[in-house]
Amino acid sequence: MKIKKISIFRVIAQLIYLNIFIAGVLSRNYIMLFITATAILLGPIFCGWMCFVGLYQDICRYLGALVKKEPIEINKKIHRWLKYSRYFILIGSLTIGGLFLFPGKAWGNFAAILQGHGKINAAFYFLIILGFASLFTRRFFCRYLCTFGAKLGLFALARPITINKKDTCVSCKCCSKECLMNINVDKINSLANPNCINCLKCVEACPNNSLKIGLRNYFKP
């Protein structure tokens, strides 16, 4: 029951936030200001529980699982280096004037589609490509390309509340297998990884309830 409850609550939160975003777009409110303020206040929780791009990827993966149950994972040696790519993109965006820093143009194009302009643009093609890729992979954009998530992850490096591993862990690696961001959760005592999006998939996957949310232990890696 724990797995279903967490998953259901997370999907409900994502859908509510998506409806708020769409309603705001159609009424021409300050959407990016609202999104940015929410993300800053909640940090990576925004990525795991509210981001509609993450929801879009998750839905596509659920559909893709009907064809291919196990997602395609990038080789661990390649992932070890590729996981830093979104930070390099972030640094590059700062250098060249914020082209990728704030995805305002992409959201603006998406808003234009919702408002009925029907413009075929980069954002539309991006959604199609991302959706197709997400049928067979998990959170590829979040893992390797999202500079917004990279910033939130860096802000949360000193987070006081995190996921801690108890002594009852038997190293079955169920938590790592279910991690949307491909983090080796089983090797960490106190999870403070900047790539963590707090989706709690690791907590719900643990058969021994060996993971719990609590104060971070700064003396254990």
C-alpha atoms as a PDB file:
ATOM      1  CA  MET A   1       0.000   0.000   0.000  1.00  0.00           C
ATOM      2  CA  LYS A   2       2.909   2.343   0.684  1.00  0.00           C
ATOM      3  CA  ILE A   3       4.043   2.205  -2.938  1.00  0.00           C
ATOM      4  CA  LYS A   4       0.591   2.999  -4.298  1.00  0.00           C
ATOM      5  CA  LYS A   5      -0.041   5.830  -1.857  1.00  0.00           C
ATOM      6  CA  ILE A   6       3.205   7.652  -2.605  1.00  0.00           C
ATOM      7  CA  SER A   7       2.819   7.215  -6.354  1.00  0.00           C
ATOM      8  CA  ILE A   8      -0.804   8.372  -6.318  1.00  0.00           C
ATOM      9  CA  PHE A   9      -0.010  11.461  -4.221  1.00  0.00           C
ATOM     10  CA  ARG A  10       2.853  12.386  -6.539  1.00  0.00           C
ATOM     11  CA  VAL A  11       0.754  12.070  -9.705  1.00  0.00           C
ATOM     12  CA  ILE A  12      -2.071  14.081  -8.126  1.00  0.00           C
ATOM     13  CA  ALA A  13       0.367  16.852  -7.179  1.00  0.00           C
ATOM     14  CA  GLN A  14       1.786  16.903 -10.720  1.00  0.00           C
ATOM     15  CA  LEU A  15      -1.669  17.055 -12.297  1.00  0.00           C
ATOM     16  CA  ILE A  16      -2.827  19.860  -9.994  1.00  0.00           C
ATOM     17  CA  TYR A  17       0.266  21.891 -10.813  1.00  0.00           C
ATOM     18  CA  LEU A  18      -0.193  21.247 -14.534  1.00  0.00           C
ATOM     19  CA  ASN A  19      -3.767  22.547 -14.355  1.00  0.00           C
ATOM     20  CA  ILE A  20      -2.570  25.658 -12.534  1.00  0.00           C
ATOM     21  CA  PHE A  21       0.009  26.226 -15.269  1.00  0.00           C
ATOM     22  CA  ILE A  22      -2.483  25.775 -18.123  1.00  0.00           C
ATOM     23  CA  ALA A  23      -5.045  28.021 -16.424  1.00  0.00           C
ATOM     24  CA  GLY A  24      -2.387  30.655 -15.948  1.00  0.00           C
ATOM     25  CA  VAL A  25      -1.265  30.460 -19.570  1.00  0.00           C
ATOM     26  CA  LEU A  26      -4.796  30.856 -20.863  1.00  0.00           C
ATOM     27  CA  SER A  27      -5.416  33.828 -18.569  1.00  0.00           C
ATOM     28  CA  ARG A  28      -2.001  35.336 -19.408  1.00  0.00           C
ATOM     29  CA  ASN A  29      -0.778  35.555 -15.849  1.00  0.00           C
ATOM     30  CA  TYR A  30       2.859  35.727 -14.744  1.00  0.00           C
ATOM     31  CA  ILE A  31       3.480  32.009 -15.153  1.00  0.00           C
ATOM     32  CA  MET A  32       7.264  31.995 -15.197  1.00  0.00           C
ATOM     33  CA  LEU A  33       7.344  34.156 -12.059  1.00  0.00           C
ATOM     34  CA  PHE A  34       5.002  31.723 -10.306  1.00  0.00           C
ATOM     35  CA  ILE A  35       6.960  28.668 -11.473  1.00  0.00           C
ATOM     36  CA  THR A  36      10.301  30.189 -10.517  1.00  0.00           C
ATOM     37  CA  ALA A  37       9.072  31.270  -7.064  1.00  0.00           C
ATOM     38  CA  THR A  38       7.576  27.833  -6.371  1.00  0.00           C
ATOM     39  CA  ALA A  39      10.714  26.052  -7.548  1.00  0.00           C
ATOM     40  CA  ILE A  40      13.027  28.212  -5.432  1.00  0.00           C
ATOM     41  CA  LEU A  41      10.898  27.671  -2.333  1.00  0.00           C
ATOM     42  CA  LEU A  42      10.586  23.903  -2.804  1.00  0.00           C
ATOM     43  CA  GLY A  43      13.922  23.146  -4.460  1.00  0.00           C
ATOM     44  CA  PRO A  44      14.246  19.693  -6.098  1.00  0.00           C
ATOM     45  CA  ILE A  45      10.840  18.743  -4.681  1.00  0.00           C
ATOM     46  CA  PHE A  46       9.518  20.825  -7.572  1.00  0.00           C
ATOM     47  CA  CYS A  47      11.243  18.468 -10.041  1.00  0.00           C
ATOM     48  CA  GLY A  48       9.859  15.295  -8.518  1.00  0.00           C
ATOM     49  CA  TRP A  49       6.380  16.414  -7.536  1.00  0.00           C
ATOM     50  CA  MET A  50       5.312  19.392  -9.673  1.00  0.00           C
ATOM     51  CA  CYS A  51       7.278  19.799 -12.881  1.00  0.00           C
ATOM     52  CA  PHE A  52       4.976  19.131 -15.846  1.00  0.00           C
ATOM     53  CA  VAL A  53       7.934  18.251 -18.078  1.00  0.00           C
ATOM     54  CA  GLY A  54       8.748  15.493 -15.599  1.00  0.00           C
ATOM     55  CA  LEU A  55       5.096  14.424 -15.591  1.00  0.00           C
ATOM     56  CA  TYR A  56       5.118  14.297 -19.388  1.00  0.00           C
ATOM     57  CA  GLN A  57       8.193  12.055 -19.363  1.00  0.00           C
ATOM     58  CA  ASP A  58       6.678   9.792 -16.691  1.00  0.00           C
ATOM     59  CA  ILE A  59       3.410   9.368 -18.614  1.00  0.00           C
ATOM     60  CA  CYS A  60       5.284   8.534 -21.809  1.00  0.00           C
ATOM     61  CA  ARG A  61       7.354   5.965 -19.932  1.00  0.00           C
ATOM     62  CA  TYR A  62       4.231   4.370 -18.448  1.00  0.00           C
ATOM     63  CA  LEU A  63       2.897   3.972 -21.979  1.00  0.00           C
ATOM     64  CA  GLY A  64       6.246   2.717 -23.256  1.00  0.00           C
ATOM     65  CA  ALA A  65       6.328   0.077 -20.524  1.00  0.00           C
ATOM     66  CA  LEU A  66       3.430  -1.634 -22.295  1.00  0.00           C
ATOM     67  CA  VAL A  67       5.862  -2.361 -25.143  1.00  0.00           C
ATOM     68  CA  LYS A  68       9.178  -2.562 -23.311  1.00  0.00           C
ATOM     69  CA  LYS A  69       8.833  -3.205 -19.589  1.00  0.00           C
ATOM     70  CA  GLU A  70      12.418  -2.432 -18.610  1.00  0.00           C
ATOM     71  CA  PRO A  71      13.657   1.064 -19.580  1.00  0.00           C
ATOM     72  CA  ILE A  72      16.804   1.547 -21.623  1.00  0.00           C
ATOM     73  CA  GLU A  73      19.647   2.675 -19.361  1.00  0.00           C
ATOM     74  CA  ILE A  74      22.847   4.327 -20.493  1.00  0.00           C
ATOM     75  CA  ASN A  75      26.020   2.408 -19.704  1.00  0.00           C
ATOM     76  CA  LYS A  76      27.076   3.189 -16.124  1.00  0.00           C
ATOM     77  CA  LYS A  77      30.569   4.289 -17.171  1.00  0.00           C
ATOM     78  CA  ILE A  78      29.080   6.742 -19.662  1.00  0.00           C
ATOM     79  CA  HIS A  79      26.434   7.886 -17.161  1.00  0.00           C
ATOM     80  CA  ARG A  80      29.164   8.564 -14.608  1.00  0.00           C
ATOM     81  CA  TRP A  81      30.368  11.414 -16.828  1.00  0.00           C
ATOM     82  CA  LEU A  82      27.188  12.292 -18.669  1.00  0.00           C
ATOM     83  CA  LYS A  83      25.334  13.122 -15.440  1.00  0.00           C
ATOM     84  CA  TYR A  84      27.407  16.318 -15.235  1.00  0.00           C
ATOM     85  CA  SER A  85      26.289  17.464 -18.687  1.00  0.00           C
ATOM     86  CA  ARG A  86      23.421  19.606 -17.432  1.00  0.00           C
ATOM     87  CA  TYR A  87      25.852  21.515 -15.215  1.00  0.00           C
ATOM     88  CA  PHE A  88      28.168  22.153 -18.156  1.00  0.00           C
ATOM     89  CA  ILE A  89      25.160  23.392 -20.128  1.00  0.00           C
ATOM     90  CA  LEU A  90      24.258  25.637 -17.190  1.00  0.00           C
ATOM     91  CA  ILE A  91      27.775  27.091 -17.078  1.00  0.00           C
ATOM     92  CA  GLY A  92      27.709  27.544 -20.838  1.00  0.00           C
ATOM     93  CA  SER A  93      24.351  29.300 -20.658  1.00  0.00           C
ATOM     94  CA  LEU A  94      25.732  31.743 -18.113  1.00  0.00           C
ATOM     95  CA  THR A  95      28.654  32.400 -20.417  1.00  0.00           C
ATOM     96  CA  ILE A  96      26.636  33.039 -23.564  1.00  0.00           C
ATOM     97  CA  GLY A  97      23.974  35.185 -21.981  1.00  0.00           C
ATOM     98  CA  GLY A  98      21.404  32.807 -20.544  1.00  0.00           C
ATOM     99  CA  LEU A  99      20.199  31.062 -23.692  1.00  0.00           C
ATOM    100  CA  PHE A 100      19.344  27.941 -21.693  1.00  0.00           C
ATOM    101  CA  LEU A 101      19.249  29.483 -18.222  1.00  0.00           C
ATOM    102  CA  PHE A 102      15.577  30.419 -18.256  1.00  0.00           C
ATOM    103  CA  PRO A 103      13.529  28.423 -20.772  1.00  0.00           C
ATOM    104  CA  GLY A 104      11.272  31.403 -21.359  1.00  0.00           C
ATOM    105  CA  LYS A 105      11.203  31.027 -25.135  1.00  0.00           C
ATOM    106  CA  ALA A 106      10.249  27.372 -24.906  1.00  0.00           C
ATOM    107  CA  TRP A 107       7.443  28.088 -22.429  1.00  0.00           C
ATOM    108  CA  GLY A 108       6.359  31.045 -24.546  1.00  0.00           C
ATOM    109  CA  ASN A 109       6.078  28.831 -27.601  1.00  0.00           C
ATOM    110  CA  PHE A 110       4.167  26.230 -25.608  1.00  0.00           C
ATOM    111  CA  ALA A 111       1.864  28.978 -24.342  1.00  0.00           C
ATOM    112  CA  ALA A 112       1.261  30.108 -27.938  1.00  0.00           C
ATOM    113  CA  ILE A 113       0.136  26.597 -28.856  1.00  0.00           C
ATOM    114  CA  LEU A 114      -2.257  26.483 -25.893  1.00  0.00           C
ATOM    115  CA  GLN A 115      -3.671  29.893 -26.794  1.00  0.00           C
ATOM    116  CA  GLY A 116      -4.664  28.639 -30.241  1.00  0.00           C
ATOM    117  CA  HIS A 117      -2.005  30.186 -32.464  1.00  0.00           C
ATOM    118  CA  GLY A 118      -1.130  26.694 -33.727  1.00  0.00           C
ATOM    119  CA  LYS A 119       2.441  27.726 -34.494  1.00  0.00           C
ATOM    120  CA  ILE A 120       4.808  24.854 -35.358  1.00  0.00           C
ATOM    121  CA  ASN A 121       7.961  25.814 -33.500  1.00  0.00           C
ATOM    122  CA  ALA A 122      10.977  24.494 -31.665  1.00  0.00           C
ATOM    123  CA  ALA A 123       9.040  23.812 -28.463  1.00  0.00           C
ATOM    124  CA  PHE A 124       6.537  21.636 -30.343  1.00  0.00           C
ATOM    125  CA  TYR A 125       9.283  19.550 -31.951  1.00  0.00           C
ATOM    126  CA  PHE A 126      11.061  19.339 -28.616  1.00  0.00           C
ATOM    127  CA  LEU A 127       7.966  17.873 -26.973  1.00  0.00           C
ATOM    128  CA  ILE A 128       7.566  15.295 -29.748  1.00  0.00           C
ATOM    129  CA  ILE A 129      11.215  14.176 -29.593  1.00  0.00           C
ATOM    130  CA  LEU A 130      11.203  14.140 -25.797  1.00  0.00           C
ATOM    131  CA  GLY A 131       7.980  12.140 -25.725  1.00  0.00           C
ATOM    132  CA  PHE A 132       9.332   9.518 -28.114  1.00  0.00           C
ATOM    133  CA  ALA A 133      12.586   9.196 -26.168  1.00  0.00           C
ATOM    134  CA  SER A 134      10.669   8.954 -22.884  1.00  0.00           C
ATOM    135  CA  LEU A 135       8.754   5.912 -24.108  1.00  0.00           C
ATOM    136  CA  PHE A 136      11.908   3.873 -23.602  1.00  0.00           C
ATOM    137  CA  THR A 137      13.962   5.882 -21.099  1.00  0.00           C
ATOM    138  CA  ARG A 138      13.358   7.452 -17.695  1.00  0.00           C
ATOM    139  CA  ARG A 139      13.777  11.192 -17.211  1.00  0.00           C
ATOM    140  CA  PHE A 140      16.505  11.604 -19.859  1.00  0.00           C
ATOM    141  CA  PHE A 141      15.922  15.349 -20.065  1.00  0.00           C
ATOM    142  CA  CYS A 142      15.999  15.733 -16.271  1.00  0.00           C
ATOM    143  CA  ARG A 143      19.165  13.683 -15.940  1.00  0.00           C
ATOM    144  CA  TYR A 144      21.296  15.242 -18.650  1.00  0.00           C
ATOM    145  CA  LEU A 145      19.811  18.436 -20.103  1.00  0.00           C
ATOM    146  CA  CYS A 146      17.670  20.380 -17.613  1.00  0.00           C
ATOM    147  CA  THR A 147      19.590  23.423 -16.387  1.00  0.00           C
ATOM    148  CA  PHE A 148      16.659  24.504 -14.224  1.00  0.00           C
ATOM    149  CA  GLY A 149      16.905  21.241 -12.289  1.00  0.00           C
ATOM    150  CA  ALA A 150      20.678  21.640 -12.143  1.00  0.00           C
ATOM    151  CA  LYS A 151      20.304  24.985 -10.392  1.00  0.00           C
ATOM    152  CA  LEU A 152      17.793  23.603  -7.912  1.00  0.00           C
ATOM    153  CA  GLY A 153      20.088  20.672  -7.192  1.00  0.00           C
ATOM    154  CA  LEU A 154      23.020  22.961  -6.469  1.00  0.00           C
ATOM    155  CA  PHE A 155      20.866  25.095  -4.151  1.00  0.00           C
ATOM    156  CA  ALA A 156      19.874  21.944  -2.258  1.00  0.00           C
ATOM    157  CA  LEU A 157      23.381  20.593  -1.632  1.00  0.00           C
ATOM    158  CA  ALA A 158      23.207  21.783   1.971  1.00  0.00           C
ATOM    159  CA  ARG A 159      19.635  20.568   2.508  1.00  0.00           C
ATOM    160  CA  PRO A 160      19.022  19.720   6.205  1.00  0.00           C
ATOM    161  CA  ILE A 161      16.233  17.200   5.496  1.00  0.00           C
ATOM    162  CA  THR A 162      16.932  14.253   3.249  1.00  0.00           C
ATOM    163  CA  ILE A 163      16.572  10.478   2.867  1.00  0.00           C
ATOM    164  CA  ASN A 164      18.606   8.412   5.316  1.00  0.00           C
ATOM    165  CA  LYS A 165      19.468   4.725   5.185  1.00  0.00           C
ATOM    166  CA  LYS A 166      18.940   2.580   8.283  1.00  0.00           C
ATOM    167  CA  ASP A 167      21.024  -0.378   9.441  1.00  0.00           C
ATOM    168  CA  THR A 168      18.310  -2.789   8.284  1.00  0.00           C
ATOM    169  CA  CYS A 169      19.444  -2.306   4.660  1.00  0.00           C
ATOM    170  CA  VAL A 170      20.425  -5.622   3.028  1.00  0.00           C
ATOM    171  CA  SER A 171      21.906  -4.033  -0.135  1.00  0.00           C
ATOM    172  CA  CYS A 172      19.276  -5.518  -2.426  1.00  0.00           C
ATOM    173  CA  LYS A 173      19.620  -2.397  -4.637  1.00  0.00           C
ATOM    174  CA  CYS A 174      15.862  -2.121  -5.206  1.00  0.00           C
ATOM    175  CA  CYS A 175      16.116   1.579  -4.361  1.00  0.00           C
ATOM    176  CA  SER A 176      18.807   2.232  -6.955  1.00  0.00           C
ATOM    177  CA  LYS A 177      16.935   0.266  -9.590  1.00  0.00           C
ATOM    178  CA  GLU A 178      13.822   2.424  -9.158  1.00  0.00           C
ATOM    179  CA  CYS A 179      15.623   5.778  -8.953  1.00  0.00           C
ATOM    180  CA  LEU A 180      14.422   8.025 -11.784  1.00  0.00           C
ATOM    181  CA  MET A 181      17.750   9.861 -11.819  1.00  0.00           C
ATOM    182  CA  ASN A 182      19.928   6.721 -11.804  1.00  0.00           C
ATOM    183  CA  ILE A 183      21.539   7.451  -8.435  1.00  0.00           C
ATOM    184  CA  ASN A 184      23.214   4.607  -6.535  1.00  0.00           C
ATOM    185  CA  VAL A 185      21.013   5.128  -3.484  1.00  0.00           C
ATOM    186  CA  ASP A 186      22.106   1.848  -1.881  1.00  0.00           C
ATOM    187  CA  LYS A 187      25.669   3.163  -1.531  1.00  0.00           C
ATOM    188  CA  ILE A 188      24.673   6.351   0.290  1.00  0.00           C
ATOM    189  CA  ASN A 189      23.896   6.679   4.004  1.00  0.00           C
ATOM    190  CA  SER A 190      22.469  10.188   3.836  1.00  0.00           C
ATOM    191  CA  LEU A 191      21.210  11.178   0.394  1.00  0.00           C
ATOM    192  CA  ALA A 192      22.400  14.681  -0.504  1.00  0.00           C
ATOM    193  CA  ASN A 193      23.015  14.134  -4.192  1.00  0.00           C
ATOM    194  CA  PRO A 194      22.345  17.291  -6.271  1.00  0.00           C
ATOM    195  CA  ASN A 195      20.639  15.127  -8.903  1.00  0.00           C
ATOM    196  CA  CYS A 196      18.042  13.812  -6.445  1.00  0.00           C
ATOM    197  CA  ILE A 197      14.526  15.087  -7.265  1.00  0.00           C
ATOM    198  CA  ASN A 198      12.888  13.793  -4.066  1.00  0.00           C
ATOM    199  CA  CYS A 199      10.404  11.606  -5.943  1.00  0.00           C
ATOM    200  CA  LEU A 200      10.624   9.018  -3.122  1.00  0.00           C
ATOM    201  CA  LYS A 201      10.661   6.129  -5.590  1.00  0.00           C
ATOM    202  CA  CYS A 202      13.556   4.679  -3.593  1.00  0.00           C
ATOM    203  CA  VAL A 203      11.591   4.870  -0.338  1.00  0.00           C
ATOM    204  CA  GLU A 204       8.563   3.123  -1.786  1.00  0.00           C
ATOM    205  CA  ALA A 205      10.704   0.450  -3.455  1.00  0.00           C
ATOM    206  CA  CYS A 206      12.575  -0.630  -0.311  1.00  0.00           C
ATOM    207  CA  PRO A 207      11.213  -4.024   0.859  1.00  0.00           C
ATOM    208  CA  ASN A 208      12.614  -3.576   4.391  1.00  0.00           C
ATOM    209  CA  ASN A 209      11.571   0.040   4.994  1.00  0.00           C
ATOM    210  CA  SER A 210      15.257   0.861   5.383  1.00  0.00           C
ATOM    211  CA  LEU A 211      14.938   4.368   3.941  1.00  0.00           C
ATOM    212  CA  LYS A 212      13.301   7.201   5.832  1.00  0.00           C
ATOM    213  CA  ILE A 213      12.970  10.943   5.555  1.00  0.00           C
ATOM    214  CA  GLY A 214      14.742  12.800   8.351  1.00  0.00           C
ATOM    215  CA  LEU A 215      17.487  15.195   9.322  1.00  0.00           C
ATOM    216  CA  ARG A 216      20.603  14.837   7.262  1.00  0.00           C
ATOM    217  CA  ASN A 217      23.674  13.259   8.816  1.00  0.00           C
ATOM    218  CA  TYR A 218      26.490  15.534   7.643  1.00  0.00           C
ATOM    219  CA  PHE A 219      29.145  13.136   8.961  1.00  0.00           C
ATOM    220  CA  LYS A 220      28.107  10.151   6.837  1.00  0.00           C
ATOM    221  CA  PRO A 221      28.494  10.296   3.033  1.00  0.00           C
END
